[in-house]
Amino acid sequence: MVMAKLLGINADEDFCEHCGKTHLKKVVWIELDDGTIQHVGCDCAYSILTGKAKNRKEGGRIYDWLMWVEYARKLAQKFPPAEAEAKMSARSGRAIKIADGKIIFVNEPKDSLFRTFDINKVV
């Protein structure tokens, strides 16, 4: 299984570097274990991240989750940590902790793909 990390939403591209599919509405950035950064469709992202077959429902879940990550990033850049954490919880019901340049979704398991993200976009 390829190890990879979700980085964020890619609004600039509409094709998948993994499978070549074009005219995609939802594209995300991932970083592979060798440091390569690719933009891929959500279904391919799910497959790469989990080692399982493509799954449209789970691929959509990845994109939906990254929408909340983008919102948390905006809050973290605009407000002090405690205020950003409170606003995120009030808006989404998701508890976050902001520390050391990271956004941590505290209710996610420690080994979850959806637990820790950089405050600043990597790409």
N, C-alpha and C. Protein backbone atom coordinates (compact mmCIF):
# COMPACT_ATOMS: atom_id res chain seq x y z
N MET A 1 0.84 -1.18 0.00
CA MET A 1 0.00 0.00 0.00
C MET A 1 0.88 1.25 0.00
N VAL A 2 0.54 2.21 -0.80
CA VAL A 2 1.26 3.47 -0.86
C VAL A 2 0.85 4.33 0.33
N MET A 3 1.82 4.85 1.03
CA MET A 3 1.51 5.77 2.12
C MET A 3 1.36 7.16 1.52
N ALA A 4 0.35 7.88 1.95
CA ALA A 4 0.11 9.21 1.41
C ALA A 4 -0.55 10.06 2.48
N LYS A 5 -0.55 11.35 2.24
CA LYS A 5 -1.12 12.30 3.19
C LYS A 5 -2.01 13.26 2.42
N LEU A 6 -3.20 13.50 2.94
CA LEU A 6 -4.09 14.50 2.36
C LEU A 6 -3.54 15.88 2.67
N LEU A 7 -3.53 16.77 1.67
CA LEU A 7 -3.04 18.12 1.89
C LEU A 7 -4.15 19.16 1.80
N GLY A 8 -5.06 19.02 0.87
CA GLY A 8 -6.13 20.00 0.74
C GLY A 8 -6.83 19.90 -0.60
N ILE A 9 -7.74 20.83 -0.81
CA ILE A 9 -8.53 20.89 -2.03
C ILE A 9 -7.75 21.61 -3.12
N ASN A 10 -7.88 21.14 -4.34
CA ASN A 10 -7.24 21.78 -5.49
C ASN A 10 -8.33 22.33 -6.39
N ALA A 11 -8.51 23.63 -6.38
CA ALA A 11 -9.53 24.26 -7.22
C ALA A 11 -8.98 24.67 -8.58
N ASP A 12 -7.68 24.47 -8.81
CA ASP A 12 -7.05 24.92 -10.05
C ASP A 12 -7.04 23.89 -11.16
N GLU A 13 -7.17 22.63 -10.82
CA GLU A 13 -7.08 21.56 -11.82
C GLU A 13 -8.39 20.79 -11.89
N ASP A 14 -8.65 20.17 -13.03
CA ASP A 14 -9.88 19.38 -13.18
C ASP A 14 -9.59 17.99 -13.73
N PHE A 15 -8.35 17.51 -13.51
CA PHE A 15 -8.03 16.16 -13.96
C PHE A 15 -7.20 15.44 -12.90
N CYS A 16 -7.19 14.12 -13.00
CA CYS A 16 -6.50 13.28 -12.03
C CYS A 16 -5.16 12.82 -12.59
N GLU A 17 -4.08 13.13 -11.87
CA GLU A 17 -2.75 12.68 -12.29
C GLU A 17 -2.57 11.18 -12.11
N HIS A 18 -3.41 10.57 -11.33
CA HIS A 18 -3.28 9.14 -11.06
C HIS A 18 -3.89 8.29 -12.18
N CYS A 19 -5.14 8.58 -12.56
CA CYS A 19 -5.81 7.74 -13.57
C CYS A 19 -6.00 8.44 -14.91
N GLY A 20 -5.79 9.77 -14.95
CA GLY A 20 -5.92 10.50 -16.20
C GLY A 20 -7.32 11.01 -16.52
N LYS A 21 -8.28 10.72 -15.65
CA LYS A 21 -9.65 11.17 -15.89
C LYS A 21 -9.70 12.70 -15.90
N THR A 22 -10.52 13.26 -16.81
CA THR A 22 -10.60 14.71 -16.96
C THR A 22 -11.99 15.23 -16.61
N HIS A 23 -12.10 16.55 -16.56
CA HIS A 23 -13.35 17.26 -16.28
C HIS A 23 -13.93 16.89 -14.91
N LEU A 24 -13.07 16.76 -13.93
CA LEU A 24 -13.50 16.43 -12.57
C LEU A 24 -13.94 17.69 -11.84
N LYS A 25 -14.95 17.56 -11.00
CA LYS A 25 -15.44 18.69 -10.21
C LYS A 25 -14.73 18.79 -8.87
N LYS A 26 -14.25 17.66 -8.36
CA LYS A 26 -13.62 17.62 -7.04
C LYS A 26 -12.24 16.99 -7.14
N VAL A 27 -11.22 17.81 -6.95
CA VAL A 27 -9.83 17.36 -7.04
C VAL A 27 -9.12 17.77 -5.75
N VAL A 28 -8.28 16.89 -5.23
CA VAL A 28 -7.55 17.17 -3.99
C VAL A 28 -6.05 16.98 -4.20
N TRP A 29 -5.27 17.58 -3.30
CA TRP A 29 -3.82 17.40 -3.29
C TRP A 29 -3.48 16.29 -2.31
N ILE A 30 -2.58 15.39 -2.71
CA ILE A 30 -2.03 14.40 -1.78
C ILE A 30 -0.51 14.41 -1.92
N GLU A 31 0.14 14.02 -0.84
CA GLU A 31 1.60 13.86 -0.87
C GLU A 31 1.91 12.38 -0.69
N LEU A 32 2.60 11.81 -1.64
CA LEU A 32 2.98 10.40 -1.57
C LEU A 32 4.17 10.23 -0.62
N ASP A 33 4.44 9.01 -0.23
CA ASP A 33 5.52 8.76 0.74
C ASP A 33 6.89 9.16 0.24
N ASP A 34 7.07 9.28 -1.08
CA ASP A 34 8.36 9.71 -1.62
C ASP A 34 8.47 11.23 -1.73
N GLY A 35 7.45 11.95 -1.22
CA GLY A 35 7.46 13.41 -1.24
C GLY A 35 6.81 14.02 -2.47
N THR A 36 6.43 13.20 -3.43
CA THR A 36 5.76 13.69 -4.64
C THR A 36 4.37 14.20 -4.28
N ILE A 37 4.04 15.37 -4.79
CA ILE A 37 2.70 15.93 -4.58
C ILE A 37 1.93 15.82 -5.87
N GLN A 38 0.72 15.26 -5.78
CA GLN A 38 -0.13 15.06 -6.96
C GLN A 38 -1.51 15.63 -6.71
N HIS A 39 -2.16 16.04 -7.78
CA HIS A 39 -3.59 16.37 -7.68
C HIS A 39 -4.34 15.20 -8.28
N VAL A 40 -5.29 14.69 -7.52
CA VAL A 40 -6.03 13.49 -7.92
C VAL A 40 -7.51 13.68 -7.64
N GLY A 41 -8.32 12.92 -8.35
CA GLY A 41 -9.75 12.89 -8.06
C GLY A 41 -9.99 12.25 -6.71
N CYS A 42 -11.14 12.52 -6.13
CA CYS A 42 -11.44 12.01 -4.79
C CYS A 42 -11.49 10.49 -4.73
N ASP A 43 -12.02 9.85 -5.77
CA ASP A 43 -12.08 8.39 -5.76
C ASP A 43 -10.68 7.79 -5.78
N CYS A 44 -9.80 8.35 -6.59
CA CYS A 44 -8.41 7.88 -6.62
C CYS A 44 -7.72 8.19 -5.29
N ALA A 45 -8.01 9.34 -4.70
CA ALA A 45 -7.42 9.68 -3.41
C ALA A 45 -7.78 8.62 -2.38
N TYR A 46 -9.05 8.23 -2.36
CA TYR A 46 -9.48 7.18 -1.42
C TYR A 46 -8.70 5.89 -1.66
N SER A 47 -8.57 5.51 -2.92
CA SER A 47 -7.86 4.28 -3.26
C SER A 47 -6.39 4.36 -2.85
N ILE A 48 -5.74 5.47 -3.13
CA ILE A 48 -4.33 5.65 -2.79
C ILE A 48 -4.12 5.65 -1.28
N LEU A 49 -4.99 6.35 -0.56
CA LEU A 49 -4.84 6.51 0.88
C LEU A 49 -5.14 5.23 1.66
N THR A 50 -6.06 4.42 1.15
CA THR A 50 -6.49 3.24 1.90
C THR A 50 -5.99 1.93 1.33
N GLY A 51 -5.57 1.94 0.07
CA GLY A 51 -5.17 0.70 -0.58
C GLY A 51 -6.35 -0.14 -1.03
N LYS A 52 -7.55 0.41 -0.93
CA LYS A 52 -8.77 -0.29 -1.34
C LYS A 52 -9.19 0.19 -2.72
N ALA A 53 -10.16 -0.51 -3.30
CA ALA A 53 -10.69 -0.12 -4.61
C ALA A 53 -11.36 1.25 -4.52
N LYS A 54 -11.43 1.94 -5.66
CA LYS A 54 -12.10 3.24 -5.71
C LYS A 54 -13.52 3.10 -5.16
N ASN A 55 -13.96 4.15 -4.46
CA ASN A 55 -15.29 4.14 -3.86
C ASN A 55 -15.82 5.56 -3.91
N ARG A 56 -16.86 5.78 -4.69
CA ARG A 56 -17.38 7.14 -4.89
C ARG A 56 -17.88 7.76 -3.59
N LYS A 57 -18.58 6.98 -2.77
CA LYS A 57 -19.10 7.51 -1.51
C LYS A 57 -17.97 7.96 -0.59
N GLU A 58 -16.97 7.10 -0.43
CA GLU A 58 -15.84 7.45 0.45
C GLU A 58 -14.99 8.55 -0.16
N GLY A 59 -14.87 8.57 -1.48
CA GLY A 59 -14.15 9.66 -2.14
C GLY A 59 -14.83 10.99 -1.87
N GLY A 60 -16.14 11.00 -1.92
CA GLY A 60 -16.90 12.22 -1.61
C GLY A 60 -16.71 12.64 -0.16
N ARG A 61 -16.59 11.67 0.72
CA ARG A 61 -16.36 11.96 2.14
C ARG A 61 -15.02 12.69 2.33
N ILE A 62 -14.02 12.27 1.57
CA ILE A 62 -12.71 12.93 1.64
C ILE A 62 -12.86 14.41 1.28
N TYR A 63 -13.55 14.68 0.19
CA TYR A 63 -13.72 16.07 -0.25
C TYR A 63 -14.50 16.87 0.79
N ASP A 64 -15.58 16.30 1.31
CA ASP A 64 -16.38 17.00 2.32
C ASP A 64 -15.54 17.31 3.55
N TRP A 65 -14.70 16.36 3.96
CA TRP A 65 -13.85 16.58 5.13
C TRP A 65 -12.86 17.71 4.85
N LEU A 66 -12.28 17.71 3.66
CA LEU A 66 -11.31 18.76 3.33
C LEU A 66 -11.95 20.14 3.25
N MET A 67 -13.24 20.20 2.97
CA MET A 67 -13.94 21.49 3.02
C MET A 67 -13.89 22.04 4.45
N TRP A 68 -14.08 21.16 5.44
CA TRP A 68 -13.99 21.59 6.84
C TRP A 68 -12.55 21.95 7.20
N VAL A 69 -11.59 21.25 6.63
CA VAL A 69 -10.18 21.59 6.87
C VAL A 69 -9.90 23.00 6.35
N GLU A 70 -10.38 23.31 5.15
CA GLU A 70 -10.18 24.65 4.59
C GLU A 70 -10.82 25.71 5.48
N TYR A 71 -12.01 25.42 5.99
CA TYR A 71 -12.68 26.36 6.90
C TYR A 71 -11.86 26.55 8.18
N ALA A 72 -11.36 25.45 8.73
CA ALA A 72 -10.54 25.53 9.94
C ALA A 72 -9.26 26.32 9.68
N ARG A 73 -8.67 26.16 8.50
CA ARG A 73 -7.47 26.93 8.15
C ARG A 73 -7.76 28.42 8.13
N LYS A 74 -8.88 28.80 7.55
CA LYS A 74 -9.25 30.22 7.52
C LYS A 74 -9.42 30.77 8.92
N LEU A 75 -10.10 30.00 9.78
CA LEU A 75 -10.28 30.44 11.16
C LEU A 75 -8.93 30.56 11.88
N ALA A 76 -8.07 29.58 11.69
CA ALA A 76 -6.77 29.56 12.37
C ALA A 76 -5.89 30.73 11.94
N GLN A 77 -6.04 31.17 10.71
CA GLN A 77 -5.24 32.29 10.21
C GLN A 77 -5.82 33.64 10.61
N LYS A 78 -7.11 33.66 10.93
CA LYS A 78 -7.78 34.93 11.21
C LYS A 78 -7.93 35.23 12.70
N PHE A 79 -8.07 34.20 13.52
CA PHE A 79 -8.38 34.38 14.94
C PHE A 79 -7.32 33.73 15.83
N PRO A 80 -7.26 34.18 17.10
CA PRO A 80 -6.40 33.48 18.06
C PRO A 80 -6.88 32.03 18.21
N PRO A 81 -5.99 31.11 18.59
CA PRO A 81 -6.37 29.69 18.65
C PRO A 81 -7.66 29.39 19.41
N ALA A 82 -7.81 29.92 20.60
CA ALA A 82 -9.01 29.59 21.40
C ALA A 82 -10.28 30.05 20.70
N GLU A 83 -10.25 31.22 20.09
CA GLU A 83 -11.42 31.72 19.39
C GLU A 83 -11.71 30.90 18.13
N ALA A 84 -10.68 30.55 17.39
CA ALA A 84 -10.86 29.72 16.19
C ALA A 84 -11.42 28.35 16.56
N GLU A 85 -10.91 27.77 17.64
CA GLU A 85 -11.41 26.46 18.08
C GLU A 85 -12.88 26.54 18.44
N ALA A 86 -13.29 27.60 19.15
CA ALA A 86 -14.69 27.76 19.55
C ALA A 86 -15.59 27.97 18.33
N LYS A 87 -15.14 28.77 17.38
CA LYS A 87 -15.94 29.02 16.17
C LYS A 87 -16.11 27.75 15.35
N MET A 88 -15.06 26.95 15.24
CA MET A 88 -15.14 25.70 14.49
C MET A 88 -16.13 24.75 15.14
N SER A 89 -16.06 24.64 16.45
CA SER A 89 -16.97 23.75 17.17
C SER A 89 -18.41 24.20 17.02
N ALA A 90 -18.64 25.50 17.11
CA ALA A 90 -20.00 26.04 16.99
C ALA A 90 -20.56 25.83 15.59
N ARG A 91 -19.73 25.99 14.58
CA ARG A 91 -20.20 25.89 13.19
C ARG A 91 -20.34 24.44 12.72
N SER A 92 -19.40 23.59 13.09
CA SER A 92 -19.37 22.24 12.52
C SER A 92 -19.65 21.12 13.51
N GLY A 93 -19.54 21.42 14.79
CA GLY A 93 -19.66 20.37 15.79
C GLY A 93 -18.38 19.55 15.93
N ARG A 94 -17.33 19.94 15.22
CA ARG A 94 -16.05 19.22 15.27
C ARG A 94 -15.09 19.97 16.20
N ALA A 95 -14.54 19.24 17.14
CA ALA A 95 -13.58 19.84 18.06
C ALA A 95 -12.20 19.83 17.42
N ILE A 96 -11.55 20.99 17.44
CA ILE A 96 -10.18 21.08 16.92
C ILE A 96 -9.28 21.67 17.98
N LYS A 97 -8.01 21.40 17.83
CA LYS A 97 -6.96 22.00 18.66
C LYS A 97 -5.96 22.61 17.69
N ILE A 98 -5.58 23.85 17.93
CA ILE A 98 -4.61 24.52 17.08
C ILE A 98 -3.33 24.69 17.88
N ALA A 99 -2.26 24.09 17.40
CA ALA A 99 -0.98 24.17 18.10
C ALA A 99 0.16 23.84 17.14
N ASP A 100 1.27 24.53 17.31
CA ASP A 100 2.50 24.24 16.56
C ASP A 100 2.29 24.20 15.04
N GLY A 101 1.47 25.13 14.53
CA GLY A 101 1.25 25.20 13.09
C GLY A 101 0.37 24.11 12.54
N LYS A 102 -0.33 23.40 13.41
CA LYS A 102 -1.18 22.28 13.00
C LYS A 102 -2.62 22.50 13.48
N ILE A 103 -3.54 21.91 12.72
CA ILE A 103 -4.93 21.80 13.13
C ILE A 103 -5.16 20.33 13.42
N ILE A 104 -5.59 20.04 14.63
CA ILE A 104 -5.81 18.65 15.04
C ILE A 104 -7.30 18.46 15.31
N PHE A 105 -7.91 17.53 14.62
CA PHE A 105 -9.30 17.17 14.87
C PHE A 105 -9.28 16.15 16.01
N VAL A 106 -9.60 16.61 17.22
CA VAL A 106 -9.32 15.84 18.43
C VAL A 106 -10.17 14.58 18.58
N ASN A 107 -11.32 14.52 17.95
CA ASN A 107 -12.18 13.34 18.09
C ASN A 107 -11.86 12.23 17.10
N GLU A 108 -10.92 12.48 16.21
CA GLU A 108 -10.50 11.45 15.25
C GLU A 108 -9.43 10.56 15.88
N PRO A 109 -9.44 9.27 15.56
CA PRO A 109 -8.38 8.39 16.08
C PRO A 109 -6.99 8.89 15.67
N LYS A 110 -6.01 8.61 16.49
CA LYS A 110 -4.65 9.10 16.23
C LYS A 110 -4.09 8.64 14.89
N ASP A 111 -4.52 7.50 14.38
CA ASP A 111 -4.01 7.00 13.11
C ASP A 111 -4.91 7.35 11.93
N SER A 112 -5.90 8.21 12.15
CA SER A 112 -6.84 8.59 11.10
C SER A 112 -6.20 9.50 10.06
N LEU A 113 -6.62 9.33 8.81
CA LEU A 113 -6.18 10.23 7.73
C LEU A 113 -6.69 11.64 7.94
N PHE A 114 -7.73 11.78 8.76
CA PHE A 114 -8.42 13.05 8.93
C PHE A 114 -8.09 13.73 10.26
N ARG A 115 -6.98 13.40 10.89
CA ARG A 115 -6.69 13.95 12.22
C ARG A 115 -5.88 15.24 12.20
N THR A 116 -4.76 15.29 11.50
CA THR A 116 -3.84 16.43 11.60
C THR A 116 -3.55 17.02 10.22
N PHE A 117 -3.63 18.35 10.15
CA PHE A 117 -3.36 19.09 8.92
C PHE A 117 -2.53 20.32 9.25
N ASP A 118 -1.68 20.74 8.31
CA ASP A 118 -0.94 21.99 8.47
C ASP A 118 -1.90 23.16 8.37
N ILE A 119 -1.66 24.21 9.17
CA ILE A 119 -2.51 25.40 9.10
C ILE A 119 -2.40 26.03 7.72
N ASN A 120 -1.20 26.16 7.23
CA ASN A 120 -1.00 26.74 5.90
C ASN A 120 -1.05 25.65 4.86
N LYS A 121 -1.63 25.99 3.71
CA LYS A 121 -1.64 25.02 2.61
C LYS A 121 -0.21 24.70 2.23
N VAL A 122 0.05 23.45 1.96
CA VAL A 122 1.39 23.01 1.60
C VAL A 122 1.65 23.28 0.13
N VAL A 123 0.62 23.22 -0.67
CA VAL A 123 0.76 23.36 -2.12
C VAL A 123 0.41 24.78 -2.54
